[in-house]
Amino acid sequence: MKNQIVRFISIILILSFVSAIIVLIIGLVSKWDTTIQFSNGYFYGGGVLLVIGLINAMGARTDDRVPGMQNSRITTDERQSSYQLLREDIAKWNTRMVILGISGLVLWGVAALIPQIWK
């Protein structure tokens, strides 16, 4: 359990750091020179991560294993195994949503702190 928490937090921090570096590179290439421009960049970067996380969650909820199978007759065992696969996929996608969502919130926190850091 402790190993999973450390892994979860490290993935969030790495994703946030890489996203912050990408926003920094975009800002330097675009010649941003005010704190407001960098703060807005980190805010938009966090928003992009949050939206990607929500899209992942929505994709998991509309999973169609076999197109056209929803109207045909299947046995109870097939249905149960299909439900199990769907539950595992939703759990995996929800984990990705949480990781991307928290990383987005971290970038929003950085966006809020940039004006205080650069005073």
PDB file of N, CA and C in Angstrom:
ATOM      1  N   MET A   1       0.826  -1.189   0.000  1.00  0.00           N
ATOM      2  CA  MET A   1       0.000   0.000   0.000  1.00  0.00           C
ATOM      3  C   MET A   1       0.872   1.255   0.000  1.00  0.00           C
ATOM      4  N   LYS A   2       1.886   1.266   0.851  1.00  0.00           N
ATOM      5  CA  LYS A   2       2.762   2.430   0.933  1.00  0.00           C
ATOM      6  C   LYS A   2       3.518   2.619  -0.391  1.00  0.00           C
ATOM      7  N   ASN A   3       3.904   1.514  -1.021  1.00  0.00           N
ATOM      8  CA  ASN A   3       4.613   1.580  -2.285  1.00  0.00           C
ATOM      9  C   ASN A   3       3.714   2.171  -3.380  1.00  0.00           C
ATOM     10  N   GLN A   4       2.432   1.841  -3.368  1.00  0.00           N
ATOM     11  CA  GLN A   4       1.500   2.387  -4.354  1.00  0.00           C
ATOM     12  C   GLN A   4       1.321   3.891  -4.165  1.00  0.00           C
ATOM     13  N   ILE A   5       1.267   4.342  -2.935  1.00  0.00           N
ATOM     14  CA  ILE A   5       1.103   5.770  -2.659  1.00  0.00           C
ATOM     15  C   ILE A   5       2.327   6.540  -3.120  1.00  0.00           C
ATOM     16  N   VAL A   6       3.510   6.005  -2.838  1.00  0.00           N
ATOM     17  CA  VAL A   6       4.740   6.660  -3.280  1.00  0.00           C
ATOM     18  C   VAL A   6       4.793   6.707  -4.799  1.00  0.00           C
ATOM     19  N   ARG A   7       4.408   5.620  -5.440  1.00  0.00           N
ATOM     20  CA  ARG A   7       4.393   5.573  -6.910  1.00  0.00           C
ATOM     21  C   ARG A   7       3.384   6.574  -7.471  1.00  0.00           C
ATOM     22  N   PHE A   8       2.215   6.648  -6.876  1.00  0.00           N
ATOM     23  CA  PHE A   8       1.161   7.562  -7.303  1.00  0.00           C
ATOM     24  C   PHE A   8       1.629   9.016  -7.190  1.00  0.00           C
ATOM     25  N   ILE A   9       2.210   9.370  -6.054  1.00  0.00           N
ATOM     26  CA  ILE A   9       2.692  10.736  -5.841  1.00  0.00           C
ATOM     27  C   ILE A   9       3.854  11.058  -6.764  1.00  0.00           C
ATOM     28  N   SER A  10       4.740  10.106  -6.973  1.00  0.00           N
ATOM     29  CA  SER A  10       5.881  10.376  -7.858  1.00  0.00           C
ATOM     30  C   SER A  10       5.421  10.574  -9.303  1.00  0.00           C
ATOM     31  N   ILE A  11       4.424   9.819  -9.757  1.00  0.00           N
ATOM     32  CA  ILE A  11       3.896  10.010 -11.109  1.00  0.00           C
ATOM     33  C   ILE A  11       3.285  11.401 -11.234  1.00  0.00           C
ATOM     34  N   ILE A  12       2.533  11.827 -10.229  1.00  0.00           N
ATOM     35  CA  ILE A  12       1.921  13.157 -10.257  1.00  0.00           C
ATOM     36  C   ILE A  12       2.986  14.242 -10.307  1.00  0.00           C
ATOM     37  N   LEU A  13       4.014  14.116  -9.477  1.00  0.00           N
ATOM     38  CA  LEU A  13       5.065  15.125  -9.451  1.00  0.00           C
ATOM     39  C   LEU A  13       5.851  15.161 -10.754  1.00  0.00           C
ATOM     40  N   ILE A  14       6.152  14.001 -11.318  1.00  0.00           N
ATOM     41  CA  ILE A  14       6.886  13.960 -12.587  1.00  0.00           C
ATOM     42  C   ILE A  14       6.048  14.569 -13.702  1.00  0.00           C
ATOM     43  N   LEU A  15       4.774  14.206 -13.776  1.00  0.00           N
ATOM     44  CA  LEU A  15       3.902  14.761 -14.806  1.00  0.00           C
ATOM     45  C   LEU A  15       3.756  16.275 -14.647  1.00  0.00           C
ATOM     46  N   SER A  16       3.622  16.741 -13.413  1.00  0.00           N
ATOM     47  CA  SER A  16       3.521  18.183 -13.173  1.00  0.00           C
ATOM     48  C   SER A  16       4.810  18.893 -13.557  1.00  0.00           C
ATOM     49  N   PHE A  17       5.942  18.296 -13.222  1.00  0.00           N
ATOM     50  CA  PHE A  17       7.232  18.917 -13.542  1.00  0.00           C
ATOM     51  C   PHE A  17       7.446  18.993 -15.054  1.00  0.00           C
ATOM     52  N   VAL A  18       7.145  17.901 -15.750  1.00  0.00           N
ATOM     53  CA  VAL A  18       7.305  17.894 -17.209  1.00  0.00           C
ATOM     54  C   VAL A  18       6.368  18.910 -17.851  1.00  0.00           C
ATOM     55  N   SER A  19       5.131  18.986 -17.378  1.00  0.00           N
ATOM     56  CA  SER A  19       4.182  19.969 -17.907  1.00  0.00           C
ATOM     57  C   SER A  19       4.651  21.388 -17.631  1.00  0.00           C
ATOM     58  N   ALA A  20       5.207  21.616 -16.448  1.00  0.00           N
ATOM     59  CA  ALA A  20       5.715  22.951 -16.108  1.00  0.00           C
ATOM     60  C   ALA A  20       6.896  23.323 -17.001  1.00  0.00           C
ATOM     61  N   ILE A  21       7.760  22.374 -17.281  1.00  0.00           N
ATOM     62  CA  ILE A  21       8.896  22.631 -18.171  1.00  0.00           C
ATOM     63  C   ILE A  21       8.402  22.959 -19.579  1.00  0.00           C
ATOM     64  N   ILE A  22       7.389  22.237 -20.045  1.00  0.00           N
ATOM     65  CA  ILE A  22       6.833  22.503 -21.379  1.00  0.00           C
ATOM     66  C   ILE A  22       6.254  23.916 -21.441  1.00  0.00           C
ATOM     67  N   VAL A  23       5.506  24.311 -20.406  1.00  0.00           N
ATOM     68  CA  VAL A  23       4.947  25.672 -20.377  1.00  0.00           C
ATOM     69  C   VAL A  23       6.078  26.699 -20.311  1.00  0.00           C
ATOM     70  N   LEU A  24       7.122  26.420 -19.546  1.00  0.00           N
ATOM     71  CA  LEU A  24       8.257  27.335 -19.465  1.00  0.00           C
ATOM     72  C   LEU A  24       8.935  27.497 -20.820  1.00  0.00           C
ATOM     73  N   ILE A  25       9.134  26.398 -21.530  1.00  0.00           N
ATOM     74  CA  ILE A  25       9.756  26.461 -22.858  1.00  0.00           C
ATOM     75  C   ILE A  25       8.878  27.258 -23.820  1.00  0.00           C
ATOM     76  N   ILE A  26       7.563  27.015 -23.776  1.00  0.00           N
ATOM     77  CA  ILE A  26       6.646  27.777 -24.629  1.00  0.00           C
ATOM     78  C   ILE A  26       6.738  29.260 -24.293  1.00  0.00           C
ATOM     79  N   GLY A  27       6.815  29.578 -23.012  1.00  0.00           N
ATOM     80  CA  GLY A  27       6.920  30.975 -22.602  1.00  0.00           C
ATOM     81  C   GLY A  27       8.212  31.629 -23.042  1.00  0.00           C
ATOM     82  N   LEU A  28       9.318  30.903 -22.946  1.00  0.00           N
ATOM     83  CA  LEU A  28      10.602  31.473 -23.356  1.00  0.00           C
ATOM     84  C   LEU A  28      10.673  31.645 -24.876  1.00  0.00           C
ATOM     85  N   VAL A  29      10.125  30.694 -25.614  1.00  0.00           N
ATOM     86  CA  VAL A  29      10.119  30.801 -27.071  1.00  0.00           C
ATOM     87  C   VAL A  29       9.206  31.954 -27.512  1.00  0.00           C
ATOM     88  N   SER A  30       8.090  32.127 -26.822  1.00  0.00           N
ATOM     89  CA  SER A  30       7.147  33.195 -27.161  1.00  0.00           C
ATOM     90  C   SER A  30       7.554  34.546 -26.577  1.00  0.00           C
ATOM     91  N   LYS A  31       8.667  34.568 -25.844  1.00  0.00           N
ATOM     92  CA  LYS A  31       9.208  35.790 -25.244  1.00  0.00           C
ATOM     93  C   LYS A  31       8.234  36.447 -24.256  1.00  0.00           C
ATOM     94  N   TRP A  32       7.679  35.601 -23.367  1.00  0.00           N
ATOM     95  CA  TRP A  32       6.861  36.153 -22.296  1.00  0.00           C
ATOM     96  C   TRP A  32       7.806  36.862 -21.338  1.00  0.00           C
ATOM     97  N   ASP A  33       7.419  38.060 -20.881  1.00  0.00           N
ATOM     98  CA  ASP A  33       8.306  38.776 -19.976  1.00  0.00           C
ATOM     99  C   ASP A  33       7.614  39.268 -18.709  1.00  0.00           C
ATOM    100  N   THR A  34       6.346  38.975 -18.529  1.00  0.00           N
ATOM    101  CA  THR A  34       5.664  39.375 -17.299  1.00  0.00           C
ATOM    102  C   THR A  34       5.219  38.137 -16.526  1.00  0.00           C
ATOM    103  N   THR A  35       5.022  38.345 -15.243  1.00  0.00           N
ATOM    104  CA  THR A  35       4.559  37.237 -14.406  1.00  0.00           C
ATOM    105  C   THR A  35       3.140  36.817 -14.774  1.00  0.00           C
ATOM    106  N   ILE A  36       2.344  37.770 -15.230  1.00  0.00           N
ATOM    107  CA  ILE A  36       0.960  37.443 -15.605  1.00  0.00           C
ATOM    108  C   ILE A  36       0.941  36.483 -16.793  1.00  0.00           C
ATOM    109  N   GLN A  37       1.825  36.681 -17.764  1.00  0.00           N
ATOM    110  CA  GLN A  37       1.869  35.789 -18.917  1.00  0.00           C
ATOM    111  C   GLN A  37       2.253  34.369 -18.501  1.00  0.00           C
ATOM    112  N   PHE A  38       3.253  34.253 -17.636  1.00  0.00           N
ATOM    113  CA  PHE A  38       3.648  32.917 -17.171  1.00  0.00           C
ATOM    114  C   PHE A  38       2.551  32.292 -16.309  1.00  0.00           C
ATOM    115  N   SER A  39       1.921  33.104 -15.469  1.00  0.00           N
ATOM    116  CA  SER A  39       0.847  32.598 -14.628  1.00  0.00           C
ATOM    117  C   SER A  39      -0.315  32.095 -15.480  1.00  0.00           C
ATOM    118  N   ASN A  40      -0.655  32.855 -16.510  1.00  0.00           N
ATOM    119  CA  ASN A  40      -1.722  32.409 -17.419  1.00  0.00           C
ATOM    120  C   ASN A  40      -1.327  31.131 -18.150  1.00  0.00           C
ATOM    121  N   GLY A  41      -0.067  31.028 -18.545  1.00  0.00           N
ATOM    122  CA  GLY A  41       0.401  29.821 -19.222  1.00  0.00           C
ATOM    123  C   GLY A  41       0.274  28.594 -18.349  1.00  0.00           C
ATOM    124  N   TYR A  42       0.666  28.717 -17.076  1.00  0.00           N
ATOM    125  CA  TYR A  42       0.531  27.572 -16.166  1.00  0.00           C
ATOM    126  C   TYR A  42      -0.936  27.260 -15.884  1.00  0.00           C
ATOM    127  N   PHE A  43      -1.766  28.299 -15.821  1.00  0.00           N
ATOM    128  CA  PHE A  43      -3.198  28.079 -15.620  1.00  0.00           C
ATOM    129  C   PHE A  43      -3.781  27.294 -16.793  1.00  0.00           C
ATOM    130  N   TYR A  44      -3.457  27.709 -18.023  1.00  0.00           N
ATOM    131  CA  TYR A  44      -3.963  27.002 -19.198  1.00  0.00           C
ATOM    132  C   TYR A  44      -3.385  25.585 -19.276  1.00  0.00           C
ATOM    133  N   GLY A  45      -2.132  25.414 -18.915  1.00  0.00           N
ATOM    134  CA  GLY A  45      -1.538  24.073 -18.903  1.00  0.00           C
ATOM    135  C   GLY A  45      -2.255  23.148 -17.930  1.00  0.00           C
ATOM    136  N   GLY A  46      -2.585  23.670 -16.751  1.00  0.00           N
ATOM    137  CA  GLY A  46      -3.343  22.879 -15.780  1.00  0.00           C
ATOM    138  C   GLY A  46      -4.732  22.543 -16.284  1.00  0.00           C
ATOM    139  N   GLY A  47      -5.356  23.499 -16.971  1.00  0.00           N
ATOM    140  CA  GLY A  47      -6.673  23.248 -17.550  1.00  0.00           C
ATOM    141  C   GLY A  47      -6.631  22.159 -18.608  1.00  0.00           C
ATOM    142  N   VAL A  48      -5.578  22.151 -19.409  1.00  0.00           N
ATOM    143  CA  VAL A  48      -5.430  21.110 -20.442  1.00  0.00           C
ATOM    144  C   VAL A  48      -5.312  19.735 -19.781  1.00  0.00           C
ATOM    145  N   LEU A  49      -4.521  19.641 -18.711  1.00  0.00           N
ATOM    146  CA  LEU A  49      -4.391  18.353 -18.012  1.00  0.00           C
ATOM    147  C   LEU A  49      -5.726  17.903 -17.424  1.00  0.00           C
ATOM    148  N   LEU A  50      -6.477  18.838 -16.846  1.00  0.00           N
ATOM    149  CA  LEU A  50      -7.782  18.485 -16.292  1.00  0.00           C
ATOM    150  C   LEU A  50      -8.738  18.004 -17.375  1.00  0.00           C
ATOM    151  N   VAL A  51      -8.753  18.672 -18.513  1.00  0.00           N
ATOM    152  CA  VAL A  51      -9.645  18.271 -19.605  1.00  0.00           C
ATOM    153  C   VAL A  51      -9.258  16.891 -20.137  1.00  0.00           C
ATOM    154  N   ILE A  52      -7.964  16.643 -20.279  1.00  0.00           N
ATOM    155  CA  ILE A  52      -7.521  15.319 -20.744  1.00  0.00           C
ATOM    156  C   ILE A  52      -7.948  14.242 -19.751  1.00  0.00           C
ATOM    157  N   GLY A  53      -7.841  14.534 -18.460  1.00  0.00           N
ATOM    158  CA  GLY A  53      -8.290  13.580 -17.448  1.00  0.00           C
ATOM    159  C   GLY A  53      -9.781  13.302 -17.539  1.00  0.00           C
ATOM    160  N   LEU A  54     -10.584  14.339 -17.773  1.00  0.00           N
ATOM    161  CA  LEU A  54     -12.028  14.135 -17.907  1.00  0.00           C
ATOM    162  C   LEU A  54     -12.369  13.356 -19.173  1.00  0.00           C
ATOM    163  N   ILE A  55     -11.650  13.613 -20.251  1.00  0.00           N
ATOM    164  CA  ILE A  55     -11.895  12.863 -21.485  1.00  0.00           C
ATOM    165  C   ILE A  55     -11.562  11.387 -21.274  1.00  0.00           C
ATOM    166  N   ASN A  56     -10.490  11.105 -20.524  1.00  0.00           N
ATOM    167  CA  ASN A  56     -10.161   9.707 -20.217  1.00  0.00           C
ATOM    168  C   ASN A  56     -11.287   9.039 -19.444  1.00  0.00           C
ATOM    169  N   ALA A  57     -11.854   9.749 -18.478  1.00  0.00           N
ATOM    170  CA  ALA A  57     -12.935   9.172 -17.683  1.00  0.00           C
ATOM    171  C   ALA A  57     -14.177   8.944 -18.534  1.00  0.00           C
ATOM    172  N   MET A  58     -14.498   9.884 -19.397  1.00  0.00           N
ATOM    173  CA  MET A  58     -15.675   9.724 -20.257  1.00  0.00           C
ATOM    174  C   MET A  58     -15.467   8.580 -21.242  1.00  0.00           C
ATOM    175  N   GLY A  59     -14.264   8.401 -21.735  1.00  0.00           N
ATOM    176  CA  GLY A  59     -13.977   7.303 -22.647  1.00  0.00           C
ATOM    177  C   GLY A  59     -14.142   5.955 -21.983  1.00  0.00           C
ATOM    178  N   ALA A  60     -13.817   5.866 -20.710  1.00  0.00           N
ATOM    179  CA  ALA A  60     -13.966   4.598 -19.998  1.00  0.00           C
ATOM    180  C   ALA A  60     -15.436   4.256 -19.776  1.00  0.00           C
ATOM    181  N   ARG A  61     -16.264   5.265 -19.615  1.00  0.00           N
ATOM    182  CA  ARG A  61     -17.670   5.014 -19.340  1.00  0.00           C
ATOM    183  C   ARG A  61     -18.450   4.617 -20.599  1.00  0.00           C
ATOM    184  N   THR A  62     -17.954   4.942 -21.766  1.00  0.00           N
ATOM    185  CA  THR A  62     -18.661   4.606 -22.987  1.00  0.00           C
ATOM    186  C   THR A  62     -17.958   3.474 -23.736  1.00  0.00           C
ATOM    187  N   ASP A  63     -17.288   2.608 -22.998  1.00  0.00           N
ATOM    188  CA  ASP A  63     -16.547   1.519 -23.614  1.00  0.00           C
ATOM    189  C   ASP A  63     -17.511   0.504 -24.220  1.00  0.00           C
ATOM    190  N   ASP A  64     -17.314   0.191 -25.477  1.00  0.00           N
ATOM    191  CA  ASP A  64     -18.121  -0.817 -26.168  1.00  0.00           C
ATOM    192  C   ASP A  64     -17.171  -1.930 -26.604  1.00  0.00           C
ATOM    193  N   ARG A  65     -17.188  -3.023 -25.871  1.00  0.00           N
ATOM    194  CA  ARG A  65     -16.248  -4.116 -26.112  1.00  0.00           C
ATOM    195  C   ARG A  65     -16.333  -4.659 -27.533  1.00  0.00           C
ATOM    196  N   VAL A  66     -17.535  -5.055 -27.927  1.00  0.00           N
ATOM    197  CA  VAL A  66     -17.731  -5.642 -29.246  1.00  0.00           C
ATOM    198  C   VAL A  66     -18.845  -4.850 -29.920  1.00  0.00           C
ATOM    199  N   PRO A  67     -18.528  -4.051 -30.928  1.00  0.00           N
ATOM    200  CA  PRO A  67     -19.577  -3.257 -31.590  1.00  0.00           C
ATOM    201  C   PRO A  67     -20.673  -4.163 -32.147  1.00  0.00           C
ATOM    202  N   GLY A  68     -21.912  -3.767 -31.898  1.00  0.00           N
ATOM    203  CA  GLY A  68     -23.037  -4.545 -32.405  1.00  0.00           C
ATOM    204  C   GLY A  68     -23.459  -5.683 -31.508  1.00  0.00           C
ATOM    205  N   MET A  69     -22.759  -5.941 -30.407  1.00  0.00           N
ATOM    206  CA  MET A  69     -23.079  -7.068 -29.523  1.00  0.00           C
ATOM    207  C   MET A  69     -24.158  -6.722 -28.507  1.00  0.00           C
ATOM    208  N   GLN A  70     -24.471  -5.462 -28.301  1.00  0.00           N
ATOM    209  CA  GLN A  70     -25.370  -5.119 -27.214  1.00  0.00           C
ATOM    210  C   GLN A  70     -26.784  -5.671 -27.412  1.00  0.00           C
ATOM    211  N   ASN A  71     -27.198  -5.962 -28.636  1.00  0.00           N
ATOM    212  CA  ASN A  71     -28.547  -6.465 -28.872  1.00  0.00           C
ATOM    213  C   ASN A  71     -28.620  -7.979 -29.017  1.00  0.00           C
ATOM    214  N   SER A  72     -27.490  -8.642 -29.081  1.00  0.00           N
ATOM    215  CA  SER A  72     -27.520 -10.092 -29.257  1.00  0.00           C
ATOM    216  C   SER A  72     -27.562 -10.786 -27.903  1.00  0.00           C
ATOM    217  N   ARG A  73     -27.879 -12.069 -27.935  1.00  0.00           N
ATOM    218  CA  ARG A  73     -27.972 -12.834 -26.690  1.00  0.00           C
ATOM    219  C   ARG A  73     -26.595 -13.388 -26.321  1.00  0.00           C
ATOM    220  N   ILE A  74     -26.226 -13.181 -25.060  1.00  0.00           N
ATOM    221  CA  ILE A  74     -24.982 -13.747 -24.568  1.00  0.00           C
ATOM    222  C   ILE A  74     -25.285 -14.487 -23.269  1.00  0.00           C
ATOM    223  N   THR A  75     -24.416 -15.413 -22.913  1.00  0.00           N
ATOM    224  CA  THR A  75     -24.631 -16.193 -21.702  1.00  0.00           C
ATOM    225  C   THR A  75     -24.269 -15.372 -20.479  1.00  0.00           C
ATOM    226  N   THR A  76     -24.685 -15.854 -19.332  1.00  0.00           N
ATOM    227  CA  THR A  76     -24.407 -15.152 -18.080  1.00  0.00           C
ATOM    228  C   THR A  76     -22.905 -15.087 -17.812  1.00  0.00           C
ATOM    229  N   ASP A  77     -22.185 -16.158 -18.102  1.00  0.00           N
ATOM    230  CA  ASP A  77     -20.739 -16.166 -17.886  1.00  0.00           C
ATOM    231  C   ASP A  77     -20.044 -15.124 -18.754  1.00  0.00           C
ATOM    232  N   GLU A  78     -20.461 -15.042 -20.018  1.00  0.00           N
ATOM    233  CA  GLU A  78     -19.870 -14.042 -20.907  1.00  0.00           C
ATOM    234  C   GLU A  78     -20.165 -12.636 -20.405  1.00  0.00           C
ATOM    235  N   ARG A  79     -21.390 -12.431 -19.932  1.00  0.00           N
ATOM    236  CA  ARG A  79     -21.782 -11.125 -19.426  1.00  0.00           C
ATOM    237  C   ARG A  79     -20.956 -10.772 -18.186  1.00  0.00           C
ATOM    238  N   GLN A  80     -20.782 -11.715 -17.271  1.00  0.00           N
ATOM    239  CA  GLN A  80     -20.011 -11.452 -16.055  1.00  0.00           C
ATOM    240  C   GLN A  80     -18.554 -11.152 -16.376  1.00  0.00           C
ATOM    241  N   SER A  81     -17.962 -11.897 -17.316  1.00  0.00           N
ATOM    242  CA  SER A  81     -16.571 -11.635 -17.665  1.00  0.00           C
ATOM    243  C   SER A  81     -16.446 -10.285 -18.363  1.00  0.00           C
ATOM    244  N   SER A  82     -17.441  -9.919 -19.154  1.00  0.00           N
ATOM    245  CA  SER A  82     -17.429  -8.613 -19.807  1.00  0.00           C
ATOM    246  C   SER A  82     -17.540  -7.498 -18.766  1.00  0.00           C
ATOM    247  N   TYR A  83     -18.412  -7.693 -17.760  1.00  0.00           N
ATOM    248  CA  TYR A  83     -18.535  -6.701 -16.692  1.00  0.00           C
ATOM    249  C   TYR A  83     -17.230  -6.568 -15.911  1.00  0.00           C
ATOM    250  N   GLN A  84     -16.569  -7.683 -15.668  1.00  0.00           N
ATOM    251  CA  GLN A  84     -15.297  -7.646 -14.939  1.00  0.00           C
ATOM    252  C   GLN A  84     -14.247  -6.872 -15.732  1.00  0.00           C
ATOM    253  N   LEU A  85     -14.146  -7.125 -17.030  1.00  0.00           N
ATOM    254  CA  LEU A  85     -13.195  -6.390 -17.870  1.00  0.00           C
ATOM    255  C   LEU A  85     -13.515  -4.903 -17.885  1.00  0.00           C
ATOM    256  N   LEU A  86     -14.792  -4.578 -17.958  1.00  0.00           N
ATOM    257  CA  LEU A  86     -15.199  -3.178 -17.974  1.00  0.00           C
ATOM    258  C   LEU A  86     -14.869  -2.507 -16.642  1.00  0.00           C
ATOM    259  N   ARG A  87     -15.085  -3.197 -15.521  1.00  0.00           N
ATOM    260  CA  ARG A  87     -14.750  -2.640 -14.207  1.00  0.00           C
ATOM    261  C   ARG A  87     -13.249  -2.370 -14.090  1.00  0.00           C
ATOM    262  N   GLU A  88     -12.445  -3.302 -14.587  1.00  0.00           N
ATOM    263  CA  GLU A  88     -10.989  -3.110 -14.534  1.00  0.00           C
ATOM    264  C   GLU A  88     -10.564  -1.924 -15.386  1.00  0.00           C
ATOM    265  N   ASP A  89     -11.157  -1.795 -16.560  1.00  0.00           N
ATOM    266  CA  ASP A  89     -10.814  -0.661 -17.426  1.00  0.00           C
ATOM    267  C   ASP A  89     -11.232   0.666 -16.798  1.00  0.00           C
ATOM    268  N   ILE A  90     -12.420   0.714 -16.208  1.00  0.00           N
ATOM    269  CA  ILE A  90     -12.888   1.947 -15.576  1.00  0.00           C
ATOM    270  C   ILE A  90     -11.979   2.319 -14.409  1.00  0.00           C
ATOM    271  N   ALA A  91     -11.563   1.330 -13.628  1.00  0.00           N
ATOM    272  CA  ALA A  91     -10.648   1.623 -12.524  1.00  0.00           C
ATOM    273  C   ALA A  91      -9.327   2.174 -13.048  1.00  0.00           C
ATOM    274  N   LYS A  92      -8.824   1.614 -14.137  1.00  0.00           N
ATOM    275  CA  LYS A  92      -7.570   2.088 -14.720  1.00  0.00           C
ATOM    276  C   LYS A  92      -7.731   3.520 -15.234  1.00  0.00           C
ATOM    277  N   TRP A  93      -8.836   3.789 -15.925  1.00  0.00           N
ATOM    278  CA  TRP A  93      -9.064   5.130 -16.468  1.00  0.00           C
ATOM    279  C   TRP A  93      -9.302   6.138 -15.356  1.00  0.00           C
ATOM    280  N   ASN A  94      -9.999   5.733 -14.286  1.00  0.00           N
ATOM    281  CA  ASN A  94     -10.224   6.654 -13.184  1.00  0.00           C
ATOM    282  C   ASN A  94      -8.914   7.017 -12.506  1.00  0.00           C
ATOM    283  N   THR A  95      -7.978   6.066 -12.408  1.00  0.00           N
ATOM    284  CA  THR A  95      -6.671   6.369 -11.851  1.00  0.00           C
ATOM    285  C   THR A  95      -5.957   7.398 -12.714  1.00  0.00           C
ATOM    286  N   ARG A  96      -6.020   7.222 -14.021  1.00  0.00           N
ATOM    287  CA  ARG A  96      -5.405   8.198 -14.927  1.00  0.00           C
ATOM    288  C   ARG A  96      -6.079   9.555 -14.787  1.00  0.00           C
ATOM    289  N   MET A  97      -7.401   9.569 -14.620  1.00  0.00           N
ATOM    290  CA  MET A  97      -8.112  10.825 -14.454  1.00  0.00           C
ATOM    291  C   MET A  97      -7.654  11.534 -13.185  1.00  0.00           C
ATOM    292  N   VAL A  98      -7.501  10.796 -12.114  1.00  0.00           N
ATOM    293  CA  VAL A  98      -7.069  11.393 -10.850  1.00  0.00           C
ATOM    294  C   VAL A  98      -5.648  11.929 -10.984  1.00  0.00           C
ATOM    295  N   ILE A  99      -4.760  11.165 -11.616  1.00  0.00           N
ATOM    296  CA  ILE A  99      -3.378  11.620 -11.783  1.00  0.00           C
ATOM    297  C   ILE A  99      -3.334  12.899 -12.610  1.00  0.00           C
ATOM    298  N   LEU A 100      -4.029  12.921 -13.728  1.00  0.00           N
ATOM    299  CA  LEU A 100      -4.037  14.119 -14.571  1.00  0.00           C
ATOM    300  C   LEU A 100      -4.735  15.282 -13.877  1.00  0.00           C
ATOM    301  N   GLY A 101      -5.805  14.995 -13.153  1.00  0.00           N
ATOM    302  CA  GLY A 101      -6.521  16.052 -12.440  1.00  0.00           C
ATOM    303  C   GLY A 101      -5.675  16.692 -11.351  1.00  0.00           C
ATOM    304  N   ILE A 102      -4.991  15.883 -10.561  1.00  0.00           N
ATOM    305  CA  ILE A 102      -4.150  16.438  -9.500  1.00  0.00           C
ATOM    306  C   ILE A 102      -2.965  17.184 -10.100  1.00  0.00           C
ATOM    307  N   SER A 103      -2.405  16.669 -11.189  1.00  0.00           N
ATOM    308  CA  SER A 103      -1.312  17.377 -11.857  1.00  0.00           C
ATOM    309  C   SER A 103      -1.792  18.727 -12.380  1.00  0.00           C
ATOM    310  N   GLY A 104      -3.001  18.765 -12.918  1.00  0.00           N
ATOM    311  CA  GLY A 104      -3.575  20.035 -13.361  1.00  0.00           C
ATOM    312  C   GLY A 104      -3.770  21.000 -12.214  1.00  0.00           C
ATOM    313  N   LEU A 105      -4.223  20.493 -11.080  1.00  0.00           N
ATOM    314  CA  LEU A 105      -4.395  21.357  -9.908  1.00  0.00           C
ATOM    315  C   LEU A 105      -3.056  21.860  -9.378  1.00  0.00           C
ATOM    316  N   VAL A 106      -2.013  21.027  -9.468  1.00  0.00           N
ATOM    317  CA  VAL A 106      -0.676  21.466  -9.062  1.00  0.00           C
ATOM    318  C   VAL A 106      -0.218  22.629  -9.950  1.00  0.00           C
ATOM    319  N   LEU A 107      -0.460  22.515 -11.258  1.00  0.00           N
ATOM    320  CA  LEU A 107      -0.096  23.615 -12.151  1.00  0.00           C
ATOM    321  C   LEU A 107      -0.916  24.869 -11.856  1.00  0.00           C
ATOM    322  N   TRP A 108      -2.167  24.711 -11.477  1.00  0.00           N
ATOM    323  CA  TRP A 108      -2.961  25.874 -11.086  1.00  0.00           C
ATOM    324  C   TRP A 108      -2.379  26.507  -9.821  1.00  0.00           C
ATOM    325  N   GLY A 109      -1.886  25.678  -8.900  1.00  0.00           N
ATOM    326  CA  GLY A 109      -1.229  26.210  -7.709  1.00  0.00           C
ATOM    327  C   GLY A 109       0.035  26.975  -8.066  1.00  0.00           C
ATOM    328  N   VAL A 110       0.804  26.442  -9.012  1.00  0.00           N
ATOM    329  CA  VAL A 110       2.003  27.151  -9.483  1.00  0.00           C
ATOM    330  C   VAL A 110       1.603  28.463 -10.126  1.00  0.00           C
ATOM    331  N   ALA A 111       0.522  28.457 -10.899  1.00  0.00           N
ATOM    332  CA  ALA A 111       0.048  29.686 -11.544  1.00  0.00           C
ATOM    333  C   ALA A 111      -0.331  30.741 -10.511  1.00  0.00           C
ATOM    334  N   ALA A 112      -0.919  30.306  -9.396  1.00  0.00           N
ATOM    335  CA  ALA A 112      -1.292  31.248  -8.355  1.00  0.00           C
ATOM    336  C   ALA A 112      -0.089  31.768  -7.587  1.00  0.00           C
ATOM    337  N   LEU A 113       0.968  30.965  -7.490  1.00  0.00           N
ATOM    338  CA  LEU A 113       2.142  31.362  -6.706  1.00  0.00           C
ATOM    339  C   LEU A 113       3.158  32.174  -7.493  1.00  0.00           C
ATOM    340  N   ILE A 114       3.118  32.122  -8.814  1.00  0.00           N
ATOM    341  CA  ILE A 114       4.141  32.809  -9.618  1.00  0.00           C
ATOM    342  C   ILE A 114       4.216  34.306  -9.317  1.00  0.00           C
ATOM    343  N   PRO A 115       3.107  35.047  -9.233  1.00  0.00           N
ATOM    344  CA  PRO A 115       3.238  36.476  -8.916  1.00  0.00           C
ATOM    345  C   PRO A 115       3.891  36.737  -7.548  1.00  0.00           C
ATOM    346  N   GLN A 116       3.648  35.858  -6.552  1.00  0.00           N
ATOM    347  CA  GLN A 116       4.266  36.051  -5.245  1.00  0.00           C
ATOM    348  C   GLN A 116       5.750  35.668  -5.274  1.00  0.00           C
ATOM    349  N   ILE A 117       6.111  34.689  -6.092  1.00  0.00           N
ATOM    350  CA  ILE A 117       7.501  34.239  -6.160  1.00  0.00           C
ATOM    351  C   ILE A 117       8.370  35.294  -6.842  1.00  0.00           C
ATOM    352  N   TRP A 118       7.860  35.944  -7.877  1.00  0.00           N
ATOM    353  CA  TRP A 118       8.665  36.863  -8.688  1.00  0.00           C
ATOM    354  C   TRP A 118       8.566  38.316  -8.246  1.00  0.00           C
ATOM    355  N   LYS A 119       8.095  38.580  -7.029  1.00  0.00           N
ATOM    356  CA  LYS A 119       8.003  39.969  -6.554  1.00  0.00           C
ATOM    357  C   LYS A 119       9.356  40.577  -6.332  1.00  0.00           C
TER     358      LYS A 119
END
